[in-house]
Amino acid sequence: MIDIETARRIALSLPNTEEYEHFGRPAFKIKGKTTFATLWPGQQRMMVKLSLIDQSVFHSFDATIFYPVPNKWGLQGATFVDLSKVRPDMLQDAITTAWETASIKTSKK
């Protein structure tokens, strides 16, 4: 099990990342521009913004840990991670992948 503070530390360890409040939840963006993750403390989960291909890869690993957000955002790569089930290395990979995807978008802005 990963606690909220550990997930926060992983996200903040990535370059140019800052935390802000997004609809009452802690969220993380690069250089103040592109959000790549949001914590859901009450549900013990995290949303990471992945490409659709990356979402599919993580989901195929374990659909009870990595699953699309159940709305239009999920169809655009927004993926929930169940922090009560995910291994630390898998969470690190998911957050880093989301950060890399957001970093590419940020550099184009």
N, C-alpha and C. Protein backbone atom coordinates (compact mmCIF):
# COMPACT_ATOMS: atom_id res chain seq x y z
N MET A 1 0.84 -1.19 0.00
CA MET A 1 0.00 0.00 0.00
C MET A 1 0.88 1.25 0.00
N ILE A 2 0.48 2.20 -0.83
CA ILE A 2 1.18 3.48 -0.92
C ILE A 2 0.31 4.53 -0.24
N ASP A 3 0.90 5.31 0.65
CA ASP A 3 0.09 6.36 1.26
C ASP A 3 0.15 7.63 0.40
N ILE A 4 -0.73 8.55 0.70
CA ILE A 4 -0.86 9.79 -0.08
C ILE A 4 0.44 10.58 -0.08
N GLU A 5 1.11 10.65 1.07
CA GLU A 5 2.36 11.42 1.16
C GLU A 5 3.46 10.83 0.29
N THR A 6 3.52 9.52 0.19
CA THR A 6 4.52 8.88 -0.67
C THR A 6 4.23 9.19 -2.13
N ALA A 7 2.97 9.10 -2.52
CA ALA A 7 2.59 9.44 -3.90
C ALA A 7 2.94 10.90 -4.19
N ARG A 8 2.69 11.78 -3.25
CA ARG A 8 3.01 13.21 -3.40
C ARG A 8 4.53 13.38 -3.58
N ARG A 9 5.31 12.72 -2.76
CA ARG A 9 6.78 12.84 -2.85
C ARG A 9 7.29 12.37 -4.21
N ILE A 10 6.72 11.28 -4.71
CA ILE A 10 7.14 10.78 -6.03
C ILE A 10 6.86 11.84 -7.10
N ALA A 11 5.66 12.38 -7.10
CA ALA A 11 5.30 13.39 -8.10
C ALA A 11 6.20 14.62 -7.99
N LEU A 12 6.42 15.09 -6.77
CA LEU A 12 7.22 16.30 -6.59
C LEU A 12 8.71 16.09 -6.83
N SER A 13 9.15 14.84 -6.92
CA SER A 13 10.56 14.57 -7.18
C SER A 13 10.93 14.79 -8.65
N LEU A 14 9.94 14.93 -9.50
CA LEU A 14 10.20 15.09 -10.93
C LEU A 14 10.49 16.57 -11.24
N PRO A 15 11.38 16.82 -12.20
CA PRO A 15 11.80 18.20 -12.50
C PRO A 15 10.64 19.13 -12.86
N ASN A 16 10.77 20.36 -12.41
CA ASN A 16 9.83 21.44 -12.75
C ASN A 16 8.39 21.17 -12.33
N THR A 17 8.21 20.30 -11.35
CA THR A 17 6.86 19.96 -10.90
C THR A 17 6.47 20.84 -9.73
N GLU A 18 5.23 21.30 -9.77
CA GLU A 18 4.70 22.06 -8.65
C GLU A 18 3.32 21.52 -8.29
N GLU A 19 2.98 21.64 -7.03
CA GLU A 19 1.69 21.19 -6.54
C GLU A 19 0.73 22.38 -6.48
N TYR A 20 -0.52 22.13 -6.78
CA TYR A 20 -1.55 23.15 -6.66
C TYR A 20 -2.87 22.47 -6.32
N GLU A 21 -3.87 23.27 -5.97
CA GLU A 21 -5.18 22.71 -5.65
C GLU A 21 -6.04 22.71 -6.90
N HIS A 22 -6.63 21.55 -7.19
CA HIS A 22 -7.47 21.38 -8.37
C HIS A 22 -8.81 20.82 -7.92
N PHE A 23 -9.82 21.66 -7.87
CA PHE A 23 -11.15 21.26 -7.40
C PHE A 23 -11.08 20.59 -6.03
N GLY A 24 -10.29 21.18 -5.13
CA GLY A 24 -10.18 20.69 -3.77
C GLY A 24 -9.24 19.51 -3.58
N ARG A 25 -8.52 19.14 -4.63
CA ARG A 25 -7.60 18.00 -4.53
C ARG A 25 -6.17 18.47 -4.87
N PRO A 26 -5.18 17.86 -4.25
CA PRO A 26 -3.80 18.16 -4.62
C PRO A 26 -3.51 17.65 -6.03
N ALA A 27 -2.95 18.51 -6.85
CA ALA A 27 -2.62 18.13 -8.23
C ALA A 27 -1.21 18.60 -8.55
N PHE A 28 -0.67 18.08 -9.64
CA PHE A 28 0.72 18.33 -9.99
C PHE A 28 0.81 18.71 -11.46
N LYS A 29 1.57 19.77 -11.72
CA LYS A 29 1.75 20.23 -13.09
C LYS A 29 3.21 20.59 -13.32
N ILE A 30 3.55 20.70 -14.59
CA ILE A 30 4.91 21.03 -15.00
C ILE A 30 4.97 22.50 -15.38
N LYS A 31 5.89 23.24 -14.78
CA LYS A 31 6.12 24.65 -15.10
C LYS A 31 4.83 25.46 -15.10
N GLY A 32 3.90 25.10 -14.23
CA GLY A 32 2.66 25.84 -14.11
C GLY A 32 1.72 25.69 -15.29
N LYS A 33 1.96 24.71 -16.15
CA LYS A 33 1.18 24.61 -17.38
C LYS A 33 0.34 23.34 -17.48
N THR A 34 0.96 22.19 -17.50
CA THR A 34 0.26 20.96 -17.85
C THR A 34 0.14 20.02 -16.65
N THR A 35 -1.09 19.70 -16.27
CA THR A 35 -1.33 18.79 -15.16
C THR A 35 -1.07 17.36 -15.61
N PHE A 36 -0.36 16.60 -14.76
CA PHE A 36 -0.11 15.20 -15.09
C PHE A 36 -0.62 14.23 -14.04
N ALA A 37 -1.03 14.73 -12.86
CA ALA A 37 -1.53 13.82 -11.82
C ALA A 37 -2.35 14.60 -10.80
N THR A 38 -3.31 13.90 -10.19
CA THR A 38 -4.14 14.46 -9.13
C THR A 38 -4.35 13.40 -8.07
N LEU A 39 -4.20 13.78 -6.81
CA LEU A 39 -4.44 12.86 -5.70
C LEU A 39 -5.91 12.91 -5.29
N TRP A 40 -6.45 11.77 -4.93
CA TRP A 40 -7.82 11.63 -4.42
C TRP A 40 -7.70 11.01 -3.03
N PRO A 41 -7.31 11.80 -2.02
CA PRO A 41 -7.03 11.25 -0.69
C PRO A 41 -8.17 10.44 -0.07
N GLY A 42 -9.40 10.89 -0.21
CA GLY A 42 -10.52 10.19 0.40
C GLY A 42 -10.77 8.81 -0.18
N GLN A 43 -10.34 8.61 -1.42
CA GLN A 43 -10.54 7.32 -2.10
C GLN A 43 -9.26 6.50 -2.19
N GLN A 44 -8.18 6.99 -1.62
CA GLN A 44 -6.88 6.32 -1.65
C GLN A 44 -6.49 5.95 -3.10
N ARG A 45 -6.61 6.96 -3.98
CA ARG A 45 -6.20 6.74 -5.36
C ARG A 45 -5.58 8.00 -5.94
N MET A 46 -5.01 7.84 -7.10
CA MET A 46 -4.37 8.94 -7.81
C MET A 46 -4.79 8.85 -9.27
N MET A 47 -5.00 9.98 -9.90
CA MET A 47 -5.24 10.01 -11.33
C MET A 47 -3.94 10.43 -12.00
N VAL A 48 -3.54 9.67 -13.01
CA VAL A 48 -2.40 10.04 -13.83
C VAL A 48 -2.90 10.20 -15.27
N LYS A 49 -2.38 11.20 -15.95
CA LYS A 49 -2.80 11.47 -17.33
C LYS A 49 -1.81 10.81 -18.27
N LEU A 50 -2.26 9.72 -18.90
CA LEU A 50 -1.42 8.92 -19.78
C LEU A 50 -1.88 9.06 -21.23
N SER A 51 -1.03 8.64 -22.15
CA SER A 51 -1.50 8.48 -23.52
C SER A 51 -2.43 7.27 -23.53
N LEU A 52 -3.24 7.14 -24.55
CA LEU A 52 -4.15 5.99 -24.62
C LEU A 52 -3.38 4.67 -24.70
N ILE A 53 -2.25 4.67 -25.37
CA ILE A 53 -1.43 3.46 -25.45
C ILE A 53 -0.88 3.10 -24.08
N ASP A 54 -0.33 4.09 -23.36
CA ASP A 54 0.20 3.82 -22.03
C ASP A 54 -0.92 3.39 -21.08
N GLN A 55 -2.08 4.02 -21.19
CA GLN A 55 -3.22 3.62 -20.36
C GLN A 55 -3.54 2.14 -20.58
N SER A 56 -3.54 1.73 -21.83
CA SER A 56 -3.83 0.33 -22.17
C SER A 56 -2.79 -0.62 -21.59
N VAL A 57 -1.53 -0.23 -21.65
CA VAL A 57 -0.45 -1.07 -21.12
C VAL A 57 -0.59 -1.24 -19.61
N PHE A 58 -0.77 -0.14 -18.88
CA PHE A 58 -0.92 -0.24 -17.43
C PHE A 58 -2.19 -1.00 -17.06
N HIS A 59 -3.29 -0.73 -17.77
CA HIS A 59 -4.55 -1.41 -17.50
C HIS A 59 -4.42 -2.92 -17.72
N SER A 60 -3.68 -3.32 -18.75
CA SER A 60 -3.52 -4.76 -19.02
C SER A 60 -2.66 -5.44 -17.95
N PHE A 61 -1.82 -4.68 -17.27
CA PHE A 61 -1.04 -5.25 -16.17
C PHE A 61 -1.96 -5.73 -15.06
N ASP A 62 -2.89 -4.86 -14.62
CA ASP A 62 -3.87 -5.23 -13.59
C ASP A 62 -5.01 -4.21 -13.61
N ALA A 63 -6.14 -4.63 -14.14
CA ALA A 63 -7.29 -3.74 -14.31
C ALA A 63 -7.92 -3.32 -12.99
N THR A 64 -7.55 -3.97 -11.89
CA THR A 64 -8.08 -3.55 -10.58
C THR A 64 -7.21 -2.46 -9.96
N ILE A 65 -6.03 -2.25 -10.52
CA ILE A 65 -5.12 -1.22 -10.02
C ILE A 65 -5.12 0.00 -10.93
N PHE A 66 -5.06 -0.23 -12.23
CA PHE A 66 -5.02 0.84 -13.24
C PHE A 66 -6.27 0.75 -14.10
N TYR A 67 -7.10 1.79 -14.04
CA TYR A 67 -8.33 1.75 -14.82
C TYR A 67 -8.73 3.17 -15.25
N PRO A 68 -9.33 3.29 -16.44
CA PRO A 68 -9.70 4.61 -16.94
C PRO A 68 -10.70 5.31 -16.03
N VAL A 69 -10.55 6.62 -15.89
CA VAL A 69 -11.54 7.43 -15.19
C VAL A 69 -12.85 7.23 -15.96
N PRO A 70 -13.96 6.94 -15.26
CA PRO A 70 -15.20 6.57 -15.96
C PRO A 70 -16.00 7.75 -16.52
N ASN A 71 -15.42 8.46 -17.45
CA ASN A 71 -16.12 9.54 -18.15
C ASN A 71 -15.29 9.91 -19.37
N LYS A 72 -15.57 11.05 -19.96
CA LYS A 72 -14.84 11.44 -21.17
C LYS A 72 -13.34 11.59 -20.91
N TRP A 73 -12.96 11.93 -19.68
CA TRP A 73 -11.53 12.06 -19.37
C TRP A 73 -10.82 10.72 -19.49
N GLY A 74 -11.48 9.66 -19.09
CA GLY A 74 -10.89 8.33 -19.24
C GLY A 74 -10.62 7.98 -20.69
N LEU A 75 -11.47 8.45 -21.57
CA LEU A 75 -11.28 8.21 -23.01
C LEU A 75 -10.13 9.03 -23.58
N GLN A 76 -9.62 9.97 -22.78
CA GLN A 76 -8.49 10.80 -23.19
C GLN A 76 -7.21 10.46 -22.43
N GLY A 77 -7.22 9.34 -21.70
CA GLY A 77 -6.02 8.87 -21.02
C GLY A 77 -5.99 9.05 -19.52
N ALA A 78 -6.97 9.74 -18.95
CA ALA A 78 -7.01 9.91 -17.49
C ALA A 78 -7.22 8.53 -16.86
N THR A 79 -6.30 8.15 -15.99
CA THR A 79 -6.27 6.79 -15.46
C THR A 79 -6.17 6.82 -13.94
N PHE A 80 -7.07 6.11 -13.26
CA PHE A 80 -6.98 5.99 -11.82
C PHE A 80 -5.98 4.90 -11.46
N VAL A 81 -5.28 5.13 -10.34
CA VAL A 81 -4.36 4.15 -9.76
C VAL A 81 -4.82 3.91 -8.33
N ASP A 82 -5.11 2.67 -8.00
CA ASP A 82 -5.52 2.30 -6.64
C ASP A 82 -4.28 2.21 -5.77
N LEU A 83 -4.08 3.20 -4.92
CA LEU A 83 -2.87 3.26 -4.09
C LEU A 83 -2.83 2.17 -3.03
N SER A 84 -3.97 1.57 -2.73
CA SER A 84 -3.98 0.50 -1.73
C SER A 84 -3.48 -0.82 -2.30
N LYS A 85 -3.34 -0.90 -3.63
CA LYS A 85 -2.92 -2.15 -4.27
C LYS A 85 -1.62 -2.05 -5.07
N VAL A 86 -1.27 -0.86 -5.52
CA VAL A 86 -0.15 -0.71 -6.44
C VAL A 86 1.19 -0.88 -5.73
N ARG A 87 2.13 -1.50 -6.44
CA ARG A 87 3.51 -1.61 -5.94
C ARG A 87 4.21 -0.27 -6.12
N PRO A 88 5.15 0.05 -5.25
CA PRO A 88 5.86 1.33 -5.38
C PRO A 88 6.53 1.54 -6.74
N ASP A 89 7.16 0.51 -7.28
CA ASP A 89 7.83 0.66 -8.56
C ASP A 89 6.85 0.91 -9.70
N MET A 90 5.67 0.29 -9.63
CA MET A 90 4.66 0.51 -10.66
C MET A 90 4.09 1.93 -10.58
N LEU A 91 3.88 2.42 -9.35
CA LEU A 91 3.41 3.79 -9.20
C LEU A 91 4.44 4.77 -9.73
N GLN A 92 5.70 4.54 -9.41
CA GLN A 92 6.77 5.40 -9.92
C GLN A 92 6.75 5.41 -11.44
N ASP A 93 6.59 4.24 -12.06
CA ASP A 93 6.54 4.16 -13.52
C ASP A 93 5.34 4.93 -14.08
N ALA A 94 4.18 4.78 -13.46
CA ALA A 94 2.97 5.45 -13.96
C ALA A 94 3.09 6.97 -13.84
N ILE A 95 3.58 7.45 -12.70
CA ILE A 95 3.72 8.90 -12.50
C ILE A 95 4.77 9.46 -13.46
N THR A 96 5.88 8.76 -13.61
CA THR A 96 6.94 9.21 -14.51
C THR A 96 6.45 9.23 -15.96
N THR A 97 5.70 8.23 -16.34
CA THR A 97 5.15 8.18 -17.70
C THR A 97 4.19 9.35 -17.92
N ALA A 98 3.34 9.63 -16.96
CA ALA A 98 2.42 10.77 -17.06
C ALA A 98 3.21 12.08 -17.15
N TRP A 99 4.26 12.20 -16.34
CA TRP A 99 5.09 13.40 -16.35
C TRP A 99 5.76 13.58 -17.72
N GLU A 100 6.28 12.49 -18.27
CA GLU A 100 6.94 12.55 -19.59
C GLU A 100 5.96 12.99 -20.67
N THR A 101 4.74 12.45 -20.63
CA THR A 101 3.72 12.83 -21.60
C THR A 101 3.38 14.32 -21.46
N ALA A 102 3.21 14.78 -20.24
CA ALA A 102 2.90 16.19 -19.99
C ALA A 102 4.08 17.08 -20.36
N SER A 103 5.28 16.60 -20.16
CA SER A 103 6.47 17.38 -20.49
C SER A 103 6.55 17.68 -21.98
N ILE A 104 6.18 16.70 -22.77
CA ILE A 104 6.17 16.90 -24.23
C ILE A 104 5.14 17.97 -24.60
N LYS A 105 3.96 17.89 -24.00
CA LYS A 105 2.92 18.89 -24.27
C LYS A 105 3.33 20.27 -23.79
N THR A 106 3.99 20.34 -22.64
CA THR A 106 4.43 21.61 -22.08
C THR A 106 5.46 22.28 -22.99
N SER A 107 6.35 21.49 -23.57
CA SER A 107 7.39 22.06 -24.41
C SER A 107 6.83 22.63 -25.71
N LYS A 108 5.63 22.18 -26.10
CA LYS A 108 4.99 22.69 -27.31
C LYS A 108 4.19 23.96 -27.08
N LYS A 109 3.93 24.29 -25.80
CA LYS A 109 3.12 25.48 -25.49
C LYS A 109 3.93 26.74 -25.55
